[in-house]
Amino acid sequence: MRSSWWALIGVVAFLVGSGSAIGASGANSFRTPSGNIYCAYEHYSFAPIDLRCEIRGGIKPLPPKPSTCNADWGAGYSMRQSGLARVLCISDTVYDPKAKVIAYRTTWSGGGFACESRTTGLRCTSPSGAGFFLSREHSYTFTTSASKNGTFKTVSGNIVCGYIIVSSGSYVECGIKSGLRPRPAKVSCSAGDYTDKRVGLKSTGRAVPVVCAGDPGPFLYEAKAWVLPYGDTWQGGGITCSSETTGLTCTNRVGHGFFLSHARWRSF
């Protein structure tokens, strides 16, 4: 069963990761064919990854300006890889006349974000299922269910996780390149090979090391995995994974889970 799950994850990871050069620190700009909406996928090394889109004329209807905003209010929306989309309060702009044009009925994707260009407007979603819609007549934010399959990794790149969300339950499996510490007891595998680098968690039940595996698991799609910034959380199918400088913690709906870091790991 696990091998078929990873095959499904591979398809989604390819779709999510294609269409954008996301290597070095910087930003990738794109716009709609009308030139009314401009966006920037910002992946600077000194700041959390986010997607920011502005619409000429501002969002409609315009929410009341909060007292905490001392700049221009309502030019568009921004969102990180996890968390809700928020109204922009800015003193600059992502407007770029040389930005790549995303043709109608096509989708831009990068870092787990996806933006669908339509004649009616632009619809963007994040890896965690948050999103926004922009058009001349009406703009709004929304939340949806997280992607059915996907991969993410920690900022250090030492931990790579894959997830699948199905009606019968969810499953997250994380691999750590430096290995599980303490190392799981070595066993004789009737199928696959022994590994000391992976741990799995279902939406119910306790986390367990994956000690026998016939495939690379989440490492297979590391190149397509989006980065979960420190301080951010991924949620899906009753499982929550939070990234901190000290390590990654994943918890399911019944309170079981695991902590994973270079120095040690534990289940709870």
C-alpha atoms as a PDB file:
ATOM      1  CA  MET A   1       0.000   0.000   0.000  1.00  0.00           C
ATOM      2  CA  ARG A   2       2.777   2.459   0.888  1.00  0.00           C
ATOM      3  CA  SER A   3       4.367   2.183  -2.572  1.00  0.00           C
ATOM      4  CA  SER A   4       1.069   3.145  -4.275  1.00  0.00           C
ATOM      5  CA  TRP A   5       0.703   6.102  -1.918  1.00  0.00           C
ATOM      6  CA  TRP A   6       4.147   7.388  -2.890  1.00  0.00           C
ATOM      7  CA  ALA A   7       3.259   7.015  -6.570  1.00  0.00           C
ATOM      8  CA  LEU A   8       0.243   9.277  -6.019  1.00  0.00           C
ATOM      9  CA  ILE A   9       2.334  11.772  -4.077  1.00  0.00           C
ATOM     10  CA  GLY A  10       4.795  11.897  -6.962  1.00  0.00           C
ATOM     11  CA  VAL A  11       2.126  13.006  -9.428  1.00  0.00           C
ATOM     12  CA  VAL A  12       0.951  15.832  -7.183  1.00  0.00           C
ATOM     13  CA  ALA A  13       4.492  16.904  -6.300  1.00  0.00           C
ATOM     14  CA  PHE A  14       5.297  17.238 -10.000  1.00  0.00           C
ATOM     15  CA  LEU A  15       2.215  19.373 -10.641  1.00  0.00           C
ATOM     16  CA  VAL A  16       2.858  21.581  -7.634  1.00  0.00           C
ATOM     17  CA  GLY A  17       6.537  22.065  -8.330  1.00  0.00           C
ATOM     18  CA  SER A  18       6.412  22.737 -12.069  1.00  0.00           C
ATOM     19  CA  GLY A  19       6.149  26.051 -13.824  1.00  0.00           C
ATOM     20  CA  SER A  20       8.439  28.142 -11.636  1.00  0.00           C
ATOM     21  CA  ALA A  21      12.143  28.571 -11.106  1.00  0.00           C
ATOM     22  CA  ILE A  22      12.436  28.443  -7.318  1.00  0.00           C
ATOM     23  CA  GLY A  23      16.104  27.782  -6.809  1.00  0.00           C
ATOM     24  CA  ALA A  24      18.079  30.770  -5.554  1.00  0.00           C
ATOM     25  CA  SER A  25      16.795  33.441  -3.192  1.00  0.00           C
ATOM     26  CA  GLY A  26      14.656  36.020  -4.967  1.00  0.00           C
ATOM     27  CA  ALA A  27      11.217  36.556  -6.468  1.00  0.00           C
ATOM     28  CA  ASN A  28       9.330  35.329  -9.542  1.00  0.00           C
ATOM     29  CA  SER A  29       6.828  37.765 -11.050  1.00  0.00           C
ATOM     30  CA  PHE A  30       3.820  37.034 -13.224  1.00  0.00           C
ATOM     31  CA  ARG A  31       0.634  38.795 -14.328  1.00  0.00           C
ATOM     32  CA  THR A  32      -2.711  38.166 -15.947  1.00  0.00           C
ATOM     33  CA  PRO A  33      -3.127  38.850 -19.711  1.00  0.00           C
ATOM     34  CA  SER A  34      -5.246  41.956 -18.978  1.00  0.00           C
ATOM     35  CA  GLY A  35      -2.415  43.517 -16.982  1.00  0.00           C
ATOM     36  CA  ASN A  36      -4.841  44.191 -14.159  1.00  0.00           C
ATOM     37  CA  ILE A  37      -3.305  41.733 -11.672  1.00  0.00           C
ATOM     38  CA  TYR A  38       0.394  41.417 -10.820  1.00  0.00           C
ATOM     39  CA  CYS A  39       1.895  38.775  -8.521  1.00  0.00           C
ATOM     40  CA  ALA A  40       5.246  37.879  -6.996  1.00  0.00           C
ATOM     41  CA  TYR A  41       6.297  34.545  -5.540  1.00  0.00           C
ATOM     42  CA  GLU A  42       8.824  35.729  -2.949  1.00  0.00           C
ATOM     43  CA  HIS A  43      11.391  33.184  -1.762  1.00  0.00           C
ATOM     44  CA  TYR A  44      14.089  35.329  -0.213  1.00  0.00           C
ATOM     45  CA  SER A  45      16.589  33.676   2.129  1.00  0.00           C
ATOM     46  CA  PHE A  46      16.007  36.333   4.809  1.00  0.00           C
ATOM     47  CA  ALA A  47      12.183  36.122   4.997  1.00  0.00           C
ATOM     48  CA  PRO A  48       9.351  33.538   5.027  1.00  0.00           C
ATOM     49  CA  ILE A  49       8.236  32.326   1.601  1.00  0.00           C
ATOM     50  CA  ASP A  50       5.018  33.967   0.426  1.00  0.00           C
ATOM     51  CA  LEU A  51       2.829  34.772  -2.563  1.00  0.00           C
ATOM     52  CA  ARG A  52       1.657  38.367  -3.082  1.00  0.00           C
ATOM     53  CA  CYS A  53      -0.828  39.594  -5.682  1.00  0.00           C
ATOM     54  CA  GLU A  54      -2.036  43.144  -6.355  1.00  0.00           C
ATOM     55  CA  ILE A  55      -4.948  44.333  -8.454  1.00  0.00           C
ATOM     56  CA  ARG A  56      -5.158  47.791  -9.987  1.00  0.00           C
ATOM     57  CA  GLY A  57      -7.943  49.708  -8.337  1.00  0.00           C
ATOM     58  CA  GLY A  58      -7.692  47.589  -5.161  1.00  0.00           C
ATOM     59  CA  ILE A  59      -9.862  44.814  -3.812  1.00  0.00           C
ATOM     60  CA  LYS A  60     -13.654  45.180  -3.825  1.00  0.00           C
ATOM     61  CA  PRO A  61     -15.346  45.326  -1.420  1.00  0.00           C
ATOM     62  CA  LEU A  62     -12.606  46.952   0.650  1.00  0.00           C
ATOM     63  CA  PRO A  63     -12.575  45.884   4.317  1.00  0.00           C
ATOM     64  CA  PRO A  64     -12.213  48.637   6.940  1.00  0.00           C
ATOM     65  CA  LYS A  65      -8.619  49.777   7.382  1.00  0.00           C
ATOM     66  CA  PRO A  66      -7.254  48.580  10.740  1.00  0.00           C
ATOM     67  CA  SER A  67      -5.534  50.997  13.098  1.00  0.00           C
ATOM     68  CA  THR A  68      -2.374  48.877  12.835  1.00  0.00           C
ATOM     69  CA  CYS A  69      -1.963  49.727   9.131  1.00  0.00           C
ATOM     70  CA  ASN A  70       0.060  52.897   8.537  1.00  0.00           C
ATOM     71  CA  ALA A  71       0.538  52.363   4.787  1.00  0.00           C
ATOM     72  CA  ASP A  72      -1.624  51.799   1.687  1.00  0.00           C
ATOM     73  CA  TRP A  73      -4.501  49.436   2.446  1.00  0.00           C
ATOM     74  CA  GLY A  74      -6.251  46.942   0.171  1.00  0.00           C
ATOM     75  CA  ALA A  75      -4.076  46.713  -2.946  1.00  0.00           C
ATOM     76  CA  GLY A  76      -4.445  42.937  -2.932  1.00  0.00           C
ATOM     77  CA  TYR A  77      -3.618  39.860  -0.852  1.00  0.00           C
ATOM     78  CA  SER A  78      -0.632  37.872   0.365  1.00  0.00           C
ATOM     79  CA  MET A  79      -0.233  34.485   2.030  1.00  0.00           C
ATOM     80  CA  ARG A  80       2.483  32.171   3.248  1.00  0.00           C
ATOM     81  CA  GLN A  81       2.733  28.429   2.658  1.00  0.00           C
ATOM     82  CA  SER A  82       0.589  27.922   5.751  1.00  0.00           C
ATOM     83  CA  GLY A  83      -1.911  30.246   7.404  1.00  0.00           C
ATOM     84  CA  LEU A  84      -4.717  32.375   5.984  1.00  0.00           C
ATOM     85  CA  ALA A  85      -4.540  34.908   3.142  1.00  0.00           C
ATOM     86  CA  ARG A  86      -4.471  38.511   4.370  1.00  0.00           C
ATOM     87  CA  VAL A  87      -5.232  41.957   2.929  1.00  0.00           C
ATOM     88  CA  LEU A  88      -2.119  43.908   1.949  1.00  0.00           C
ATOM     89  CA  CYS A  89      -0.918  46.896   3.949  1.00  0.00           C
ATOM     90  CA  ILE A  90       2.063  48.089   1.870  1.00  0.00           C
ATOM     91  CA  SER A  91       4.236  51.033   0.942  1.00  0.00           C
ATOM     92  CA  ASP A  92       5.736  49.355  -2.149  1.00  0.00           C
ATOM     93  CA  THR A  93       4.453  47.318  -5.104  1.00  0.00           C
ATOM     94  CA  VAL A  94       5.159  44.122  -7.060  1.00  0.00           C
ATOM     95  CA  TYR A  95       4.114  45.804 -10.323  1.00  0.00           C
ATOM     96  CA  ASP A  96       6.510  44.695 -13.075  1.00  0.00           C
ATOM     97  CA  PRO A  97       5.712  45.444 -16.740  1.00  0.00           C
ATOM     98  CA  LYS A  98       8.119  42.648 -17.738  1.00  0.00           C
ATOM     99  CA  ALA A  99       6.387  40.038 -15.582  1.00  0.00           C
ATOM    100  CA  LYS A 100       5.599  36.694 -17.212  1.00  0.00           C
ATOM    101  CA  VAL A 101       2.057  36.527 -18.619  1.00  0.00           C
ATOM    102  CA  ILE A 102      -0.039  33.584 -17.382  1.00  0.00           C
ATOM    103  CA  ALA A 103      -2.484  32.852 -20.188  1.00  0.00           C
ATOM    104  CA  TYR A 104      -6.148  32.300 -19.409  1.00  0.00           C
ATOM    105  CA  ARG A 105      -7.082  28.682 -18.611  1.00  0.00           C
ATOM    106  CA  THR A 106      -3.513  27.953 -17.456  1.00  0.00           C
ATOM    107  CA  THR A 107      -2.020  27.646 -13.979  1.00  0.00           C
ATOM    108  CA  TRP A 108       1.184  29.018 -12.468  1.00  0.00           C
ATOM    109  CA  SER A 109       2.670  26.945  -9.631  1.00  0.00           C
ATOM    110  CA  GLY A 110       5.665  27.120  -7.339  1.00  0.00           C
ATOM    111  CA  GLY A 111       6.569  26.361  -3.737  1.00  0.00           C
ATOM    112  CA  GLY A 112       3.250  24.594  -3.180  1.00  0.00           C
ATOM    113  CA  PHE A 113       1.217  27.597  -4.388  1.00  0.00           C
ATOM    114  CA  ALA A 114      -1.019  27.437  -7.460  1.00  0.00           C
ATOM    115  CA  CYS A 115      -2.689  30.338  -9.315  1.00  0.00           C
ATOM    116  CA  GLU A 116      -5.308  29.654 -11.981  1.00  0.00           C
ATOM    117  CA  SER A 117      -5.735  32.410 -14.548  1.00  0.00           C
ATOM    118  CA  ARG A 118      -9.303  32.867 -15.800  1.00  0.00           C
ATOM    119  CA  THR A 119     -11.111  35.506 -17.838  1.00  0.00           C
ATOM    120  CA  THR A 120     -13.177  36.110 -14.705  1.00  0.00           C
ATOM    121  CA  GLY A 121     -10.166  36.645 -12.414  1.00  0.00           C
ATOM    122  CA  LEU A 122      -7.215  34.979 -10.673  1.00  0.00           C
ATOM    123  CA  ARG A 123      -7.648  32.215  -8.083  1.00  0.00           C
ATOM    124  CA  CYS A 124      -4.637  31.284  -5.921  1.00  0.00           C
ATOM    125  CA  THR A 125      -4.288  28.579  -3.252  1.00  0.00           C
ATOM    126  CA  SER A 126      -1.523  27.691  -0.780  1.00  0.00           C
ATOM    127  CA  PRO A 127      -0.258  24.229   0.219  1.00  0.00           C
ATOM    128  CA  SER A 128      -2.355  24.399   3.399  1.00  0.00           C
ATOM    129  CA  GLY A 129      -5.578  25.115   1.492  1.00  0.00           C
ATOM    130  CA  ALA A 130      -5.913  28.861   2.092  1.00  0.00           C
ATOM    131  CA  GLY A 131      -6.443  31.153  -0.882  1.00  0.00           C
ATOM    132  CA  PHE A 132      -7.842  34.261  -2.519  1.00  0.00           C
ATOM    133  CA  PHE A 133      -9.692  35.331  -5.638  1.00  0.00           C
ATOM    134  CA  LEU A 134      -9.073  38.677  -7.399  1.00  0.00           C
ATOM    135  CA  SER A 135     -11.194  40.347 -10.065  1.00  0.00           C
ATOM    136  CA  ARG A 136     -12.336  43.846 -11.069  1.00  0.00           C
ATOM    137  CA  GLU A 137     -15.816  43.311  -9.646  1.00  0.00           C
ATOM    138  CA  HIS A 138     -15.246  41.213  -6.545  1.00  0.00           C
ATOM    139  CA  SER A 139     -12.331  39.851  -4.474  1.00  0.00           C
ATOM    140  CA  TYR A 140     -12.307  37.579  -1.431  1.00  0.00           C
ATOM    141  CA  THR A 141     -10.292  35.083   0.626  1.00  0.00           C
ATOM    142  CA  PHE A 142     -11.223  31.458   1.296  1.00  0.00           C
ATOM    143  CA  THR A 143     -10.052  28.186   2.806  1.00  0.00           C
ATOM    144  CA  THR A 144     -10.273  24.711   1.308  1.00  0.00           C
ATOM    145  CA  SER A 145      -9.116  21.261   2.271  1.00  0.00           C
ATOM    146  CA  ALA A 146      -5.377  20.758   2.023  1.00  0.00           C
ATOM    147  CA  SER A 147      -3.964  18.936  -0.993  1.00  0.00           C
ATOM    148  CA  LYS A 148      -4.725  15.212  -1.058  1.00  0.00           C
ATOM    149  CA  ASN A 149      -1.053  14.345  -1.496  1.00  0.00           C
ATOM    150  CA  GLY A 150       2.165  16.303  -1.269  1.00  0.00           C
ATOM    151  CA  THR A 151       5.617  16.733   0.207  1.00  0.00           C
ATOM    152  CA  PHE A 152       7.250  19.384   2.353  1.00  0.00           C
ATOM    153  CA  LYS A 153      10.610  19.787   4.055  1.00  0.00           C
ATOM    154  CA  THR A 154      12.206  21.756   6.871  1.00  0.00           C
ATOM    155  CA  VAL A 155      14.296  24.852   6.236  1.00  0.00           C
ATOM    156  CA  SER A 156      17.515  22.921   6.889  1.00  0.00           C
ATOM    157  CA  GLY A 157      16.529  20.271   4.349  1.00  0.00           C
ATOM    158  CA  ASN A 158      17.353  17.516   6.866  1.00  0.00           C
ATOM    159  CA  ILE A 159      13.723  16.415   7.227  1.00  0.00           C
ATOM    160  CA  VAL A 160      11.452  15.597   4.269  1.00  0.00           C
ATOM    161  CA  CYS A 161       7.801  14.606   4.786  1.00  0.00           C
ATOM    162  CA  GLY A 162       5.167  13.171   2.485  1.00  0.00           C
ATOM    163  CA  TYR A 163       1.453  13.087   3.220  1.00  0.00           C
ATOM    164  CA  ILE A 164      -1.695  11.531   1.796  1.00  0.00           C
ATOM    165  CA  ILE A 165      -5.264  12.412   2.782  1.00  0.00           C
ATOM    166  CA  VAL A 166      -8.014   9.884   2.026  1.00  0.00           C
ATOM    167  CA  SER A 167     -11.572   9.387   3.277  1.00  0.00           C
ATOM    168  CA  SER A 168     -10.527   6.459   5.469  1.00  0.00           C
ATOM    169  CA  GLY A 169      -7.788   8.448   7.217  1.00  0.00           C
ATOM    170  CA  SER A 170      -4.553  10.349   6.709  1.00  0.00           C
ATOM    171  CA  TYR A 171      -0.892   9.407   6.801  1.00  0.00           C
ATOM    172  CA  VAL A 172       2.288  11.436   7.158  1.00  0.00           C
ATOM    173  CA  GLU A 173       5.727   9.911   6.805  1.00  0.00           C
ATOM    174  CA  CYS A 174       8.877  11.914   7.539  1.00  0.00           C
ATOM    175  CA  GLY A 175      12.443  10.959   6.726  1.00  0.00           C
ATOM    176  CA  ILE A 176      15.487  12.476   8.392  1.00  0.00           C
ATOM    177  CA  LYS A 177      18.779  12.322   6.503  1.00  0.00           C
ATOM    178  CA  SER A 178      20.905  12.262   9.656  1.00  0.00           C
ATOM    179  CA  GLY A 179      18.965   9.235  10.920  1.00  0.00           C
ATOM    180  CA  LEU A 180      16.677   8.577  13.869  1.00  0.00           C
ATOM    181  CA  ARG A 181      18.386   9.028  17.232  1.00  0.00           C
ATOM    182  CA  PRO A 182      18.108   6.768  19.111  1.00  0.00           C
ATOM    183  CA  ARG A 183      18.317   4.324  16.235  1.00  0.00           C
ATOM    184  CA  PRO A 184      15.447   1.777  15.987  1.00  0.00           C
ATOM    185  CA  ALA A 185      16.400  -1.813  16.726  1.00  0.00           C
ATOM    186  CA  LYS A 186      17.585  -3.539  13.562  1.00  0.00           C
ATOM    187  CA  VAL A 187      15.204  -6.200  12.238  1.00  0.00           C
ATOM    188  CA  SER A 188      15.234  -8.785   9.492  1.00  0.00           C
ATOM    189  CA  CYS A 189      12.891  -7.531   6.757  1.00  0.00           C
ATOM    190  CA  SER A 190      10.815 -10.023   4.777  1.00  0.00           C
ATOM    191  CA  ALA A 191      10.040  -7.261   2.260  1.00  0.00           C
ATOM    192  CA  GLY A 192      12.200  -4.236   1.556  1.00  0.00           C
ATOM    193  CA  ASP A 193      15.352  -3.209   3.405  1.00  0.00           C
ATOM    194  CA  TYR A 194      16.030  -2.016   6.926  1.00  0.00           C
ATOM    195  CA  THR A 195      16.095   1.767   7.374  1.00  0.00           C
ATOM    196  CA  ASP A 196      16.732   3.954  10.411  1.00  0.00           C
ATOM    197  CA  LYS A 197      15.650   7.247   8.838  1.00  0.00           C
ATOM    198  CA  ARG A 198      11.834   7.281   8.709  1.00  0.00           C
ATOM    199  CA  VAL A 199       8.798   7.560  10.992  1.00  0.00           C
ATOM    200  CA  GLY A 200       5.105   7.432  10.109  1.00  0.00           C
ATOM    201  CA  LEU A 201       1.921   8.763  11.705  1.00  0.00           C
ATOM    202  CA  LYS A 202      -1.737   8.059  10.892  1.00  0.00           C
ATOM    203  CA  SER A 203      -4.673  10.301  11.845  1.00  0.00           C
ATOM    204  CA  THR A 204      -5.277   7.940  14.779  1.00  0.00           C
ATOM    205  CA  GLY A 205      -2.872   5.731  16.684  1.00  0.00           C
ATOM    206  CA  ARG A 206       0.748   6.167  17.714  1.00  0.00           C
ATOM    207  CA  ALA A 207       3.718   7.151  15.565  1.00  0.00           C
ATOM    208  CA  VAL A 208       5.976   4.252  14.595  1.00  0.00           C
ATOM    209  CA  PRO A 209       9.386   4.011  12.896  1.00  0.00           C
ATOM    210  CA  VAL A 210       9.285   2.686   9.340  1.00  0.00           C
ATOM    211  CA  VAL A 211      12.061   0.089   9.674  1.00  0.00           C
ATOM    212  CA  CYS A 212      11.397  -1.950   6.524  1.00  0.00           C
ATOM    213  CA  ALA A 213      10.935  -0.126   3.225  1.00  0.00           C
ATOM    214  CA  GLY A 214      11.086  -1.023  -0.431  1.00  0.00           C
ATOM    215  CA  ASP A 215      11.281   2.575  -1.707  1.00  0.00           C
ATOM    216  CA  PRO A 216      12.926   5.900  -0.751  1.00  0.00           C
ATOM    217  CA  GLY A 217       9.636   7.180   0.663  1.00  0.00           C
ATOM    218  CA  PRO A 218       9.469  10.976   1.044  1.00  0.00           C
ATOM    219  CA  PHE A 219      13.097  11.382  -0.080  1.00  0.00           C
ATOM    220  CA  LEU A 220      12.059  10.382  -3.602  1.00  0.00           C
ATOM    221  CA  TYR A 221      10.311  13.744  -4.107  1.00  0.00           C
ATOM    222  CA  GLU A 222      12.622  15.991  -2.109  1.00  0.00           C
ATOM    223  CA  ALA A 223      13.375  18.192  -5.142  1.00  0.00           C
ATOM    224  CA  LYS A 224       9.666  19.013  -5.486  1.00  0.00           C
ATOM    225  CA  ALA A 225       8.970  19.483  -1.758  1.00  0.00           C
ATOM    226  CA  TRP A 226       7.973  22.948  -0.556  1.00  0.00           C
ATOM    227  CA  VAL A 227       9.670  24.465   2.486  1.00  0.00           C
ATOM    228  CA  LEU A 228       7.748  24.720   5.776  1.00  0.00           C
ATOM    229  CA  PRO A 229       9.259  27.869   7.382  1.00  0.00           C
ATOM    230  CA  TYR A 230      10.200  27.969  11.049  1.00  0.00           C
ATOM    231  CA  GLY A 231       7.201  29.001  13.120  1.00  0.00           C
ATOM    232  CA  ASP A 232       4.718  27.774  10.494  1.00  0.00           C
ATOM    233  CA  THR A 233       2.340  24.805  10.586  1.00  0.00           C
ATOM    234  CA  TRP A 234       0.981  22.366   8.002  1.00  0.00           C
ATOM    235  CA  GLN A 235      -2.433  20.833   8.667  1.00  0.00           C
ATOM    236  CA  GLY A 236      -4.360  18.163   6.804  1.00  0.00           C
ATOM    237  CA  GLY A 237      -6.703  15.269   7.513  1.00  0.00           C
ATOM    238  CA  GLY A 238      -6.478  15.542  11.284  1.00  0.00           C
ATOM    239  CA  ILE A 239      -2.671  15.775  11.400  1.00  0.00           C
ATOM    240  CA  THR A 240      -0.685  18.916  12.269  1.00  0.00           C
ATOM    241  CA  CYS A 241       3.067  19.388  11.703  1.00  0.00           C
ATOM    242  CA  SER A 242       4.835  22.425  13.186  1.00  0.00           C
ATOM    243  CA  SER A 243       8.338  23.520  12.174  1.00  0.00           C
ATOM    244  CA  GLU A 244      10.669  25.147  14.718  1.00  0.00           C
ATOM    245  CA  THR A 245      14.400  25.768  14.832  1.00  0.00           C
ATOM    246  CA  THR A 246      14.569  22.954  17.396  1.00  0.00           C
ATOM    247  CA  GLY A 247      12.873  20.378  15.147  1.00  0.00           C
ATOM    248  CA  LEU A 248       9.589  19.165  13.642  1.00  0.00           C
ATOM    249  CA  THR A 249       6.575  18.086  15.693  1.00  0.00           C
ATOM    250  CA  CYS A 250       3.644  16.206  14.134  1.00  0.00           C
ATOM    251  CA  THR A 251       0.448  15.452  16.085  1.00  0.00           C
ATOM    252  CA  ASN A 252      -2.727  13.604  15.081  1.00  0.00           C
ATOM    253  CA  ARG A 253      -6.330  14.194  16.102  1.00  0.00           C
ATOM    254  CA  VAL A 254      -6.108  11.919  19.163  1.00  0.00           C
ATOM    255  CA  GLY A 255      -2.982  13.610  20.534  1.00  0.00           C
ATOM    256  CA  HIS A 256      -0.348  11.097  19.473  1.00  0.00           C
ATOM    257  CA  GLY A 257       2.627  12.102  17.367  1.00  0.00           C
ATOM    258  CA  PHE A 258       6.373  12.487  17.149  1.00  0.00           C
ATOM    259  CA  PHE A 259       9.185  15.002  17.540  1.00  0.00           C
ATOM    260  CA  LEU A 260      12.055  14.828  15.073  1.00  0.00           C
ATOM    261  CA  SER A 261      15.404  16.629  15.109  1.00  0.00           C
ATOM    262  CA  HIS A 262      19.069  16.107  14.282  1.00  0.00           C
ATOM    263  CA  ALA A 263      19.830  15.361  17.938  1.00  0.00           C
ATOM    264  CA  ARG A 264      16.937  13.048  18.842  1.00  0.00           C
ATOM    265  CA  TRP A 265      13.464  11.796  18.096  1.00  0.00           C
ATOM    266  CA  ARG A 266      10.603  10.581  20.252  1.00  0.00           C
ATOM    267  CA  SER A 267       7.009   9.464  19.933  1.00  0.00           C
ATOM    268  CA  PHE A 268       4.211  10.502  22.284  1.00  0.00           C
END
